[in-house]
N, C-alpha and C. Protein backbone atom coordinates (compact mmCIF):
# COMPACT_ATOMS: atom_id res chain seq x y z
N GLN A 1 17.42 -29.12 15.00
CA GLN A 1 16.73 -27.94 14.50
C GLN A 1 15.61 -27.60 15.46
N VAL A 2 15.54 -26.34 15.84
CA VAL A 2 14.49 -25.88 16.76
C VAL A 2 13.26 -25.50 15.94
N GLN A 3 12.13 -25.98 16.37
CA GLN A 3 10.85 -25.63 15.73
C GLN A 3 10.09 -24.67 16.65
N LEU A 4 9.57 -23.61 16.04
CA LEU A 4 8.75 -22.64 16.76
C LEU A 4 7.39 -22.56 16.06
N VAL A 5 6.32 -22.58 16.84
CA VAL A 5 4.99 -22.51 16.26
C VAL A 5 4.19 -21.45 17.00
N GLU A 6 3.71 -20.46 16.24
CA GLU A 6 2.88 -19.41 16.82
C GLU A 6 1.40 -19.81 16.76
N SER A 7 0.64 -19.26 17.69
CA SER A 7 -0.81 -19.44 17.68
C SER A 7 -1.45 -18.24 18.37
N GLY A 8 -2.77 -18.10 18.19
CA GLY A 8 -3.50 -17.05 18.89
C GLY A 8 -3.85 -15.85 18.05
N GLY A 9 -3.39 -15.83 16.80
CA GLY A 9 -3.75 -14.70 15.94
C GLY A 9 -5.21 -14.77 15.53
N GLY A 10 -5.67 -13.70 14.88
CA GLY A 10 -7.05 -13.67 14.42
C GLY A 10 -7.51 -12.26 14.17
N LEU A 11 -8.83 -12.14 14.06
CA LEU A 11 -9.46 -10.84 13.81
C LEU A 11 -10.01 -10.29 15.12
N VAL A 12 -9.71 -9.03 15.39
CA VAL A 12 -10.19 -8.39 16.62
C VAL A 12 -10.57 -6.95 16.30
N GLU A 13 -11.53 -6.44 17.03
CA GLU A 13 -11.96 -5.04 16.81
C GLU A 13 -10.99 -4.07 17.49
N PRO A 14 -10.91 -2.85 17.00
CA PRO A 14 -10.06 -1.84 17.67
C PRO A 14 -10.43 -1.72 19.14
N GLY A 15 -9.38 -1.65 19.97
CA GLY A 15 -9.58 -1.59 21.41
C GLY A 15 -9.58 -2.96 22.08
N GLY A 16 -9.61 -4.01 21.28
CA GLY A 16 -9.66 -5.36 21.81
C GLY A 16 -8.29 -5.90 22.19
N SER A 17 -8.29 -7.17 22.61
CA SER A 17 -7.07 -7.83 23.07
C SER A 17 -6.91 -9.19 22.40
N LEU A 18 -5.66 -9.60 22.29
CA LEU A 18 -5.31 -10.95 21.85
C LEU A 18 -4.08 -11.39 22.62
N ARG A 19 -3.93 -12.69 22.79
CA ARG A 19 -2.71 -13.23 23.34
C ARG A 19 -2.11 -14.23 22.36
N LEU A 20 -0.91 -13.91 21.91
CA LEU A 20 -0.18 -14.81 21.03
C LEU A 20 0.69 -15.75 21.86
N SER A 21 0.84 -16.96 21.36
CA SER A 21 1.72 -17.94 21.98
C SER A 21 2.73 -18.44 20.97
N CYS A 22 3.91 -18.77 21.45
CA CYS A 22 4.96 -19.36 20.62
C CYS A 22 5.50 -20.55 21.39
N THR A 23 5.24 -21.75 20.88
CA THR A 23 5.69 -22.96 21.55
C THR A 23 6.89 -23.53 20.82
N ALA A 24 7.92 -23.85 21.59
CA ALA A 24 9.17 -24.35 21.03
C ALA A 24 9.28 -25.87 21.18
N SER A 25 10.09 -26.46 20.29
CA SER A 25 10.28 -27.92 20.31
C SER A 25 11.29 -28.34 21.37
N ILE A 26 12.03 -27.37 21.93
CA ILE A 26 12.98 -27.66 23.00
C ILE A 26 12.77 -26.67 24.13
N SER A 27 13.47 -26.86 25.20
CA SER A 27 13.31 -25.98 26.35
C SER A 27 13.65 -24.53 26.00
N THR A 28 12.78 -23.62 26.38
CA THR A 28 13.04 -22.20 26.15
C THR A 28 14.05 -21.65 27.16
N PHE A 29 14.36 -22.45 28.16
CA PHE A 29 15.37 -22.02 29.14
C PHE A 29 16.72 -21.82 28.47
N MET A 30 16.97 -22.58 27.39
CA MET A 30 18.25 -22.52 26.68
C MET A 30 18.39 -21.29 25.80
N MET A 31 17.29 -20.58 25.59
CA MET A 31 17.28 -19.50 24.60
C MET A 31 17.61 -18.17 25.28
N GLN A 32 18.79 -17.63 24.98
CA GLN A 32 19.17 -16.40 25.67
C GLN A 32 18.35 -15.21 25.24
N THR A 33 17.78 -15.29 24.03
CA THR A 33 16.89 -14.24 23.55
C THR A 33 15.70 -14.89 22.85
N MET A 34 14.53 -14.40 23.18
CA MET A 34 13.31 -14.69 22.42
C MET A 34 12.64 -13.36 22.13
N ALA A 35 11.91 -13.33 21.02
CA ALA A 35 11.34 -12.04 20.62
C ALA A 35 10.12 -12.25 19.74
N TRP A 36 9.33 -11.20 19.65
CA TRP A 36 8.23 -11.11 18.69
C TRP A 36 8.57 -10.01 17.68
N TYR A 37 8.41 -10.34 16.41
CA TYR A 37 8.52 -9.38 15.32
C TYR A 37 7.18 -9.34 14.60
N ARG A 38 6.99 -8.30 13.81
CA ARG A 38 5.80 -8.25 12.96
C ARG A 38 6.17 -7.63 11.62
N GLN A 39 5.37 -7.97 10.62
CA GLN A 39 5.66 -7.51 9.26
C GLN A 39 4.35 -7.28 8.51
N THR A 40 4.29 -6.17 7.79
CA THR A 40 3.17 -5.89 6.89
C THR A 40 3.69 -5.93 5.47
N PRO A 41 2.81 -6.14 4.50
CA PRO A 41 3.25 -6.27 3.10
C PRO A 41 4.05 -5.05 2.65
N GLY A 42 5.19 -5.32 2.03
CA GLY A 42 6.02 -4.26 1.48
C GLY A 42 6.94 -3.60 2.50
N ASN A 43 6.89 -4.05 3.73
CA ASN A 43 7.72 -3.45 4.77
C ASN A 43 8.68 -4.48 5.37
N THR A 44 9.73 -3.97 6.01
CA THR A 44 10.68 -4.86 6.66
C THR A 44 10.09 -5.35 7.98
N ARG A 45 10.64 -6.45 8.44
CA ARG A 45 10.16 -7.03 9.70
C ARG A 45 10.57 -6.09 10.85
N GLU A 46 9.61 -5.82 11.72
CA GLU A 46 9.80 -4.86 12.81
C GLU A 46 9.86 -5.58 14.15
N LEU A 47 10.85 -5.23 14.98
CA LEU A 47 10.95 -5.81 16.31
C LEU A 47 9.85 -5.22 17.20
N VAL A 48 9.09 -6.08 17.85
CA VAL A 48 8.00 -5.66 18.72
C VAL A 48 8.42 -5.71 20.18
N ALA A 49 8.98 -6.85 20.60
CA ALA A 49 9.35 -7.02 22.00
C ALA A 49 10.36 -8.14 22.13
N THR A 50 11.24 -8.03 23.12
CA THR A 50 12.22 -9.07 23.38
C THR A 50 12.17 -9.47 24.85
N ILE A 51 12.59 -10.70 25.10
CA ILE A 51 12.76 -11.18 26.47
C ILE A 51 14.06 -11.97 26.51
N LYS A 52 14.94 -11.55 27.39
CA LYS A 52 16.27 -12.16 27.46
C LYS A 52 16.42 -12.95 28.75
N THR A 53 17.53 -13.64 28.87
CA THR A 53 17.84 -14.40 30.08
C THR A 53 17.63 -13.51 31.30
N GLY A 54 16.95 -14.09 32.31
CA GLY A 54 16.62 -13.31 33.49
C GLY A 54 15.31 -12.56 33.33
N HIS A 55 14.59 -12.87 32.24
CA HIS A 55 13.29 -12.26 31.95
C HIS A 55 13.39 -10.75 31.81
N ILE A 56 14.50 -10.29 31.25
CA ILE A 56 14.67 -8.86 30.97
C ILE A 56 13.93 -8.56 29.68
N THR A 57 13.03 -7.58 29.72
CA THR A 57 12.17 -7.30 28.57
C THR A 57 12.45 -5.92 27.99
N ASN A 58 12.10 -5.79 26.71
CA ASN A 58 12.24 -4.52 26.03
C ASN A 58 11.14 -4.44 24.98
N TYR A 59 10.66 -3.22 24.70
CA TYR A 59 9.53 -3.05 23.79
C TYR A 59 9.79 -1.93 22.79
N ALA A 60 9.20 -2.08 21.61
CA ALA A 60 9.17 -0.97 20.66
C ALA A 60 8.31 0.14 21.26
N ASP A 61 8.66 1.39 20.94
CA ASP A 61 7.91 2.52 21.49
C ASP A 61 6.42 2.44 21.12
N SER A 62 6.14 1.91 19.95
CA SER A 62 4.76 1.87 19.46
C SER A 62 3.85 0.95 20.26
N VAL A 63 4.44 0.03 21.06
CA VAL A 63 3.62 -0.93 21.80
C VAL A 63 3.79 -0.83 23.31
N LYS A 64 4.70 0.05 23.76
CA LYS A 64 4.93 0.19 25.19
C LYS A 64 3.64 0.55 25.92
N GLY A 65 3.39 -0.12 27.04
CA GLY A 65 2.19 0.13 27.82
C GLY A 65 0.97 -0.63 27.34
N ARG A 66 1.05 -1.23 26.16
CA ARG A 66 -0.08 -1.99 25.61
C ARG A 66 0.21 -3.47 25.50
N PHE A 67 1.45 -3.82 25.16
CA PHE A 67 1.84 -5.22 24.96
C PHE A 67 2.73 -5.67 26.11
N THR A 68 2.62 -6.97 26.44
CA THR A 68 3.46 -7.56 27.46
C THR A 68 4.00 -8.89 26.97
N ILE A 69 5.33 -9.02 26.99
CA ILE A 69 5.98 -10.27 26.59
C ILE A 69 6.33 -11.05 27.85
N SER A 70 6.16 -12.36 27.77
CA SER A 70 6.49 -13.21 28.92
C SER A 70 6.87 -14.59 28.41
N LYS A 71 7.38 -15.40 29.32
CA LYS A 71 7.85 -16.73 28.91
C LYS A 71 7.62 -17.70 30.06
N ASP A 72 7.18 -18.90 29.72
CA ASP A 72 7.01 -19.97 30.70
C ASP A 72 7.90 -21.12 30.27
N ASN A 73 9.07 -21.24 30.88
CA ASN A 73 10.03 -22.25 30.46
C ASN A 73 9.47 -23.67 30.66
N ALA A 74 8.66 -23.87 31.69
CA ALA A 74 8.10 -25.20 31.95
C ALA A 74 7.19 -25.64 30.81
N LYS A 75 6.54 -24.69 30.16
CA LYS A 75 5.65 -25.00 29.04
C LYS A 75 6.33 -24.79 27.70
N ARG A 76 7.59 -24.41 27.70
CA ARG A 76 8.35 -24.15 26.46
C ARG A 76 7.61 -23.12 25.60
N THR A 77 7.03 -22.14 26.21
CA THR A 77 6.16 -21.21 25.49
C THR A 77 6.45 -19.76 25.87
N MET A 78 6.47 -18.90 24.85
CA MET A 78 6.56 -17.47 25.02
C MET A 78 5.21 -16.88 24.63
N TYR A 79 4.85 -15.77 25.28
CA TYR A 79 3.57 -15.14 25.04
C TYR A 79 3.74 -13.67 24.66
N LEU A 80 2.72 -13.15 24.00
CA LEU A 80 2.62 -11.72 23.78
C LEU A 80 1.17 -11.33 24.05
N GLN A 81 0.94 -10.68 25.18
CA GLN A 81 -0.37 -10.17 25.51
C GLN A 81 -0.51 -8.80 24.87
N MET A 82 -1.50 -8.65 24.01
CA MET A 82 -1.69 -7.41 23.27
C MET A 82 -3.03 -6.79 23.66
N ASN A 83 -2.98 -5.61 24.24
CA ASN A 83 -4.18 -4.90 24.66
C ASN A 83 -4.31 -3.59 23.88
N SER A 84 -5.49 -3.02 23.92
CA SER A 84 -5.76 -1.74 23.25
C SER A 84 -5.27 -1.76 21.81
N LEU A 85 -5.62 -2.81 21.11
CA LEU A 85 -5.15 -2.97 19.74
C LEU A 85 -5.77 -1.92 18.83
N ASN A 86 -4.99 -1.48 17.85
CA ASN A 86 -5.49 -0.54 16.86
C ASN A 86 -5.13 -1.07 15.47
N PRO A 87 -5.74 -0.50 14.42
CA PRO A 87 -5.51 -1.02 13.06
C PRO A 87 -4.04 -1.04 12.65
N GLU A 88 -3.23 -0.15 13.23
CA GLU A 88 -1.80 -0.13 12.88
C GLU A 88 -1.05 -1.35 13.42
N ASP A 89 -1.69 -2.11 14.30
CA ASP A 89 -1.08 -3.34 14.81
C ASP A 89 -1.31 -4.53 13.88
N THR A 90 -2.10 -4.35 12.84
CA THR A 90 -2.36 -5.41 11.87
C THR A 90 -1.06 -5.81 11.18
N ALA A 91 -0.75 -7.10 11.24
CA ALA A 91 0.51 -7.60 10.67
C ALA A 91 0.55 -9.11 10.86
N VAL A 92 1.54 -9.71 10.23
CA VAL A 92 1.90 -11.09 10.56
C VAL A 92 2.93 -11.01 11.69
N TYR A 93 2.67 -11.74 12.75
CA TYR A 93 3.55 -11.72 13.92
C TYR A 93 4.39 -13.00 13.93
N TYR A 94 5.70 -12.81 14.10
CA TYR A 94 6.65 -13.91 14.06
C TYR A 94 7.35 -14.08 15.41
N CYS A 95 7.56 -15.31 15.76
CA CYS A 95 8.33 -15.68 16.95
C CYS A 95 9.78 -15.89 16.54
N PHE A 96 10.69 -15.45 17.36
CA PHE A 96 12.13 -15.55 17.10
C PHE A 96 12.83 -16.07 18.36
N SER A 97 13.85 -16.90 18.15
CA SER A 97 14.67 -17.31 19.28
C SER A 97 16.12 -17.42 18.85
N GLN A 98 16.99 -17.27 19.83
CA GLN A 98 18.43 -17.35 19.57
C GLN A 98 19.08 -18.24 20.62
N ILE A 99 19.88 -19.19 20.13
CA ILE A 99 20.69 -20.04 21.00
C ILE A 99 22.12 -19.96 20.47
N GLY A 100 22.98 -19.35 21.23
CA GLY A 100 24.33 -19.11 20.74
C GLY A 100 24.28 -18.23 19.51
N SER A 101 24.88 -18.69 18.41
CA SER A 101 24.87 -17.92 17.17
C SER A 101 23.74 -18.36 16.23
N ASN A 102 22.94 -19.30 16.68
CA ASN A 102 21.85 -19.83 15.84
C ASN A 102 20.55 -19.09 16.10
N GLU A 103 19.86 -18.75 15.00
CA GLU A 103 18.60 -18.04 15.08
C GLU A 103 17.49 -18.89 14.45
N PHE A 104 16.31 -18.80 15.04
CA PHE A 104 15.19 -19.60 14.58
C PHE A 104 13.95 -18.73 14.50
N TRP A 105 13.10 -19.05 13.52
CA TRP A 105 11.87 -18.29 13.30
C TRP A 105 10.68 -19.24 13.20
N GLY A 106 9.53 -18.77 13.67
CA GLY A 106 8.30 -19.47 13.42
C GLY A 106 7.71 -19.04 12.08
N PRO A 107 6.66 -19.72 11.62
CA PRO A 107 6.07 -19.41 10.32
C PRO A 107 5.19 -18.16 10.34
N GLY A 108 4.82 -17.68 11.54
CA GLY A 108 4.01 -16.47 11.65
C GLY A 108 2.53 -16.74 11.86
N THR A 109 1.88 -15.75 12.46
CA THR A 109 0.43 -15.81 12.67
C THR A 109 -0.15 -14.43 12.36
N GLN A 110 -1.27 -14.42 11.64
CA GLN A 110 -1.86 -13.16 11.20
C GLN A 110 -2.69 -12.54 12.32
N VAL A 111 -2.47 -11.25 12.55
CA VAL A 111 -3.31 -10.47 13.45
C VAL A 111 -3.94 -9.35 12.64
N THR A 112 -5.25 -9.28 12.66
CA THR A 112 -5.97 -8.23 11.92
C THR A 112 -6.85 -7.47 12.90
N VAL A 113 -6.65 -6.15 12.94
CA VAL A 113 -7.45 -5.29 13.82
C VAL A 113 -8.35 -4.44 12.93
N SER A 114 -9.63 -4.73 12.99
CA SER A 114 -10.56 -4.05 12.09
C SER A 114 -11.97 -4.14 12.66
N SER A 115 -12.76 -3.11 12.38
CA SER A 115 -14.16 -3.13 12.77
C SER A 115 -15.03 -3.64 11.63
């Protein structure tokens, strides 16, 4: 069973930055897809950004130009650098990974953007 643990969430003022980390219990090199999702109460989980084999990245329109997804296989860690945060980015952020047909999720980390 793959374990994923997110960290780096917290409270930040509008316009500020945070960097989320997702550390895996096994090598992230094996994961053909890793991604960040976010969810607010009463809403479905929303895809924020993905990184696939070959470090191919994709972003939701709402975060393009502000967020950057990356991965360090040597550290078994995926990152989400979030800049120019606004209150609409407030959510629980989840780490996701896929190996073959198996999918894994982290428990989530809260990000709150508020003055």
